[in-house]
Protein backbone atom coordinates (compact mmCIF):
# COMPACT_ATOMS: atom_id res chain seq x y z
CA MET A 1 9.21 9.53 13.40
CA ILE A 2 9.12 5.97 12.09
CA GLU A 3 9.82 3.17 14.55
CA ILE A 4 10.59 -0.36 13.32
CA LYS A 5 10.27 -2.40 16.50
CA ASN A 6 11.62 -5.97 16.54
CA VAL A 7 9.87 -6.95 13.30
CA VAL A 8 9.85 -10.62 12.32
CA LYS A 9 8.44 -11.90 9.03
CA LYS A 10 8.37 -15.56 8.06
CA TYR A 11 7.50 -17.38 4.85
CA GLY A 12 6.99 -20.92 6.07
CA ASP A 13 10.29 -21.99 7.62
CA LYS A 14 12.20 -19.10 6.05
CA ILE A 15 12.78 -16.01 8.18
CA ALA A 16 12.68 -13.03 5.82
CA LEU A 17 13.03 -10.40 8.56
CA ASP A 18 14.81 -11.39 11.76
CA ASN A 19 14.08 -9.02 14.66
CA VAL A 20 14.62 -5.85 12.61
CA ASN A 21 14.77 -2.80 14.84
CA PHE A 22 15.63 0.84 14.05
CA THR A 23 14.20 4.36 14.06
CA ILE A 24 13.94 7.02 11.35
CA GLY A 25 13.73 10.58 12.60
CA ASP A 26 11.98 13.56 11.05
CA GLY A 27 14.09 15.35 8.46
CA GLU A 28 16.12 12.28 7.52
CA ILE A 29 16.88 10.63 4.20
CA PHE A 30 17.40 6.97 5.09
CA ALA A 31 18.97 4.43 2.71
CA PHE A 32 18.14 0.74 3.07
CA ILE A 33 20.66 -1.42 1.24
CA GLY A 34 21.30 -5.11 0.76
CA ARG A 35 21.73 -7.81 -1.86
CA ASN A 36 18.81 -9.24 -3.83
CA GLY A 37 16.65 -11.31 -1.50
CA ALA A 38 18.11 -9.73 1.65
CA GLY A 39 14.71 -8.52 2.89
CA LYS A 40 14.55 -4.94 1.63
CA THR A 41 11.27 -5.14 -0.25
CA THR A 42 9.73 -7.32 2.45
CA LEU A 43 10.33 -4.63 5.06
CA ILE A 44 9.16 -1.87 2.73
CA LYS A 45 5.88 -3.72 2.15
CA ALA A 46 5.52 -4.24 5.90
CA ILE A 47 6.06 -0.53 6.56
CA THR A 48 3.48 0.44 3.95
CA GLY A 49 0.90 -2.06 5.19
CA ILE A 50 0.94 -4.21 2.07
CA HIS A 51 2.27 -7.29 3.88
CA ASP A 52 1.53 -8.36 7.43
CA PHE A 53 4.35 -9.51 9.72
CA ASP A 54 4.53 -12.10 12.47
CA GLU A 55 6.08 -10.25 15.40
CA GLY A 56 6.90 -6.72 16.47
CA ASP A 57 5.32 -3.48 15.32
CA ILE A 58 5.85 -0.52 13.01
CA LEU A 59 4.82 2.92 14.24
CA ILE A 60 4.21 5.87 11.93
CA ASN A 61 4.28 8.98 14.12
CA GLY A 62 3.19 6.87 17.07
CA LYS A 63 0.44 4.98 15.23
CA SER A 64 0.67 1.24 14.57
CA ILE A 65 0.47 0.10 10.96
CA LYS A 66 -1.21 -3.05 12.31
CA LYS A 67 -3.84 -1.31 14.45
CA GLU A 68 -4.39 1.95 12.55
CA PRO A 69 -3.43 1.18 8.94
CA VAL A 70 -5.63 3.82 7.29
CA ASP A 71 -4.37 6.65 9.49
CA CYS A 72 -0.78 5.53 8.86
CA LYS A 73 -1.25 5.31 5.11
CA LYS A 74 -2.72 8.81 4.96
CA GLU A 75 0.67 10.17 5.99
CA MET A 76 2.77 8.25 3.48
CA ALA A 77 3.33 7.59 -0.18
CA TYR A 78 4.89 4.49 -1.71
CA VAL A 79 6.64 4.17 -5.06
CA PRO A 80 7.53 0.54 -5.92
CA ASP A 81 10.37 -0.46 -8.21
CA ASN A 82 7.92 -1.70 -10.83
CA PRO A 83 4.75 0.38 -10.49
CA GLU A 84 1.53 -1.43 -11.32
CA LEU A 85 -0.72 1.27 -12.79
CA TYR A 86 -4.15 1.12 -14.43
CA GLU A 87 -2.79 1.18 -17.94
CA ASN A 88 -6.13 1.76 -19.66
CA MET A 89 -6.40 5.12 -17.87
CA ARG A 90 -4.94 8.41 -19.00
CA ALA A 91 -2.07 9.59 -16.82
CA ILE A 92 -4.03 12.62 -15.62
CA ASP A 93 -7.00 10.44 -14.66
CA PHE A 94 -4.79 8.05 -12.71
CA VAL A 95 -3.16 10.88 -10.77
CA ASN A 96 -6.57 12.39 -10.00
CA PHE A 97 -7.79 8.96 -8.89
CA ILE A 98 -4.96 8.82 -6.33
CA CYS A 99 -5.74 12.39 -5.27
CA ASP A 100 -9.38 11.44 -4.74
CA MET A 101 -8.35 8.62 -2.40
CA TYR A 102 -6.24 11.04 -0.37
CA GLU A 103 -8.95 13.72 -0.51
CA VAL A 104 -6.58 16.31 -1.98
CA PRO A 105 -8.29 19.69 -2.50
CA ILE A 106 -8.76 20.69 -6.14
CA LYS A 107 -6.47 23.73 -6.01
CA THR A 108 -3.72 21.77 -4.27
CA ARG A 109 -3.83 18.92 -6.76
CA GLU A 110 -3.93 21.23 -9.78
CA ARG A 111 -0.90 23.14 -8.49
CA ASN A 112 1.07 20.01 -7.68
CA ILE A 113 0.16 18.08 -10.82
CA LYS A 114 1.34 21.04 -12.90
CA LYS A 115 4.53 21.33 -10.84
CA TYR A 116 5.54 17.68 -11.02
CA ALA A 117 4.38 17.05 -14.59
CA GLU A 118 6.63 19.92 -15.68
CA MET A 119 9.47 18.67 -13.47
CA PHE A 120 9.38 15.19 -14.99
CA ASP A 121 8.74 16.37 -18.57
CA LEU A 122 5.30 14.76 -18.78
CA THR A 123 3.14 17.84 -19.33
CA ASN A 124 2.46 16.92 -22.96
CA ASN A 125 1.77 13.27 -22.10
CA MET A 126 -0.70 13.56 -19.23
CA ASN A 127 -3.68 13.05 -21.54
CA ASP A 128 -2.18 9.89 -23.07
CA THR A 129 -3.06 6.40 -21.86
CA ILE A 130 -0.50 4.83 -19.56
CA GLU A 131 -0.24 1.68 -21.69
CA SER A 132 1.60 3.75 -24.31
CA PHE A 133 4.30 4.79 -21.82
CA SER A 134 7.82 3.42 -21.39
CA HIS A 135 8.88 1.99 -18.02
CA GLY A 136 10.57 5.27 -17.14
CA MET A 137 7.45 7.29 -17.97
CA LYS A 138 5.32 4.97 -15.84
CA GLN A 139 7.78 5.48 -13.00
CA LYS A 140 7.32 9.22 -13.39
CA VAL A 141 3.52 8.87 -13.23
CA ALA A 142 3.92 6.88 -10.02
CA LEU A 143 6.15 9.63 -8.62
CA ILE A 144 3.69 12.38 -9.57
CA SER A 145 0.88 10.41 -7.94
CA ALA A 146 2.93 9.93 -4.79
CA LEU A 147 4.05 13.55 -4.47
CA THR A 148 0.84 15.37 -5.38
CA HIS A 149 -0.86 14.67 -2.04
CA GLU A 150 2.18 16.06 -0.17
CA PRO A 151 3.04 13.06 2.01
CA LYS A 152 4.99 13.43 5.25
CA PHE A 153 6.69 10.08 4.69
CA LEU A 154 7.92 8.92 1.27
CA VAL A 155 8.85 5.25 0.78
CA MET A 156 10.55 4.16 -2.45
CA ASP A 157 11.90 0.83 -3.64
CA GLU A 158 14.77 1.34 -6.11
CA PRO A 159 13.45 4.76 -7.17
CA PHE A 160 16.14 5.49 -9.77
CA VAL A 161 15.65 2.36 -11.90
CA GLY A 162 14.50 3.27 -15.40
CA LEU A 163 14.74 7.04 -14.91
CA ASP A 164 16.77 9.28 -17.19
CA PRO A 165 19.60 11.36 -15.63
CA LYS A 166 17.50 14.54 -15.37
CA ALA A 167 14.68 12.69 -13.62
CA VAL A 168 17.18 11.13 -11.20
CA ALA A 169 18.45 14.61 -10.34
CA ASP A 170 14.87 15.84 -9.93
CA VAL A 171 14.01 13.00 -7.55
CA LYS A 172 17.06 13.79 -5.44
CA ASN A 173 15.99 17.43 -5.24
CA VAL A 174 12.47 16.40 -4.21
CA MET A 175 13.95 14.25 -1.44
CA ARG A 176 16.01 17.16 -0.15
CA GLU A 177 13.02 19.50 -0.25
CA MET A 178 10.92 17.03 1.72
CA VAL A 179 13.39 16.61 4.55
CA GLU A 180 14.06 20.36 4.73
CA LYS A 181 10.35 20.67 5.62
CA GLY A 182 10.66 17.97 8.29
CA GLY A 183 9.50 15.03 6.18
CA ILE A 184 11.05 11.58 5.96
CA VAL A 185 12.40 9.72 2.92
CA PHE A 186 13.13 6.00 3.16
CA PHE A 187 14.35 4.14 0.09
CA SER A 188 16.19 1.04 -1.02
CA THR A 189 18.89 1.22 -3.64
CA HIS A 190 21.76 -0.71 -5.18
CA ILE A 191 23.46 2.53 -6.19
CA LEU A 192 25.73 2.95 -3.18
CA GLU A 193 27.40 6.12 -4.45
CA VAL A 194 24.03 7.88 -4.49
CA ALA A 195 23.16 6.63 -1.02
CA GLU A 196 26.50 7.77 0.36
CA ARG A 197 26.17 11.29 -1.04
CA LEU A 198 22.47 11.80 -0.41
CA CYS A 199 21.54 10.08 2.85
CA SER A 200 21.97 11.05 6.47
CA LYS A 201 21.37 7.51 7.74
CA VAL A 202 21.74 3.99 6.37
CA ALA A 203 20.91 0.40 7.27
CA ILE A 204 22.54 -2.67 5.74
CA ILE A 205 20.54 -5.89 5.74
CA GLN A 206 21.72 -9.41 4.91
CA LYS A 207 19.52 -12.52 4.96
CA GLY A 208 16.85 -10.72 6.96
CA LYS A 209 19.23 -9.47 9.65
CA LEU A 210 20.44 -5.93 10.17
CA MET A 211 24.21 -5.94 9.83
CA ARG A 212 24.76 -2.25 10.49
CA VAL A 213 22.54 0.80 11.10
CA GLY A 214 23.34 4.39 12.00
CA SER A 215 24.39 7.72 10.55
CA MET A 216 26.15 7.54 7.21
CA LYS A 217 29.33 8.78 8.84
CA GLU A 218 29.16 6.12 11.57
CA VAL A 219 28.46 3.26 9.18
CA LYS A 220 30.96 4.03 6.43
CA GLY A 221 33.74 5.36 8.67
CA ASP A 222 36.92 6.03 6.71
CA LYS A 223 36.39 3.11 4.32
CA GLY A 224 33.48 4.29 2.21
CA LEU A 225 30.02 2.73 2.03
CA GLU A 226 30.78 0.28 -0.80
CA LYS A 227 33.76 -1.27 1.01
CA VAL A 228 31.85 -1.58 4.29
CA PHE A 229 28.87 -3.10 2.49
CA LEU A 230 30.98 -5.70 0.69
CA GLU A 231 32.81 -6.64 3.89
CA LEU A 232 29.51 -7.18 5.72
CA VAL A 233 27.60 -9.13 3.08
CA GLU A 234 30.54 -11.42 2.26
CA LYS A 235 30.93 -12.64 5.82
């Protein structure tokens, strides 16, 4: 379970997150949506321990990201919208570097690297340097790195940007497989149709404030997610 407890984040006089409070249960795919600058990435970076926050707490299976950041990070993986990779490294070396940090056993990493490299059509490119890759290929390397250590909690910021249609379908399948095993997927997206079809829960944020949070059925009602979203953010 992930608990976001009354989180406040300020940049000078600007309040980027205003008392954000919600819970993500095991086995849930949770969509976090909002306009550009609404606070999505700020909260994602707070959850993953990249950015500190001013008030409140974030608990990963009962552990505070503030007080026990290493233990929290061991249970999660984060894929940003624009992955910053070591481009002078070969893809296989970068993935193994991430595996080393997470202390992934050799047999486990070999099995998972093979599985995900094949899934994302990168098997023949794993020995190439990352600097030669397109944005979409770099995104796939980031995904392979995130999935190989078998995280319990997967956090993604705009995960479908730059991916080809097959890779998008593969990522959706990975999400479903994770939650079927009791894992958690939390991601931001501007593609509301995907969120509506894929997610069990959703939160809508506007100017740092949660406008609506709950099950997809509760939030969208009979109107559809896009209509509800537009009504809320245009107030």
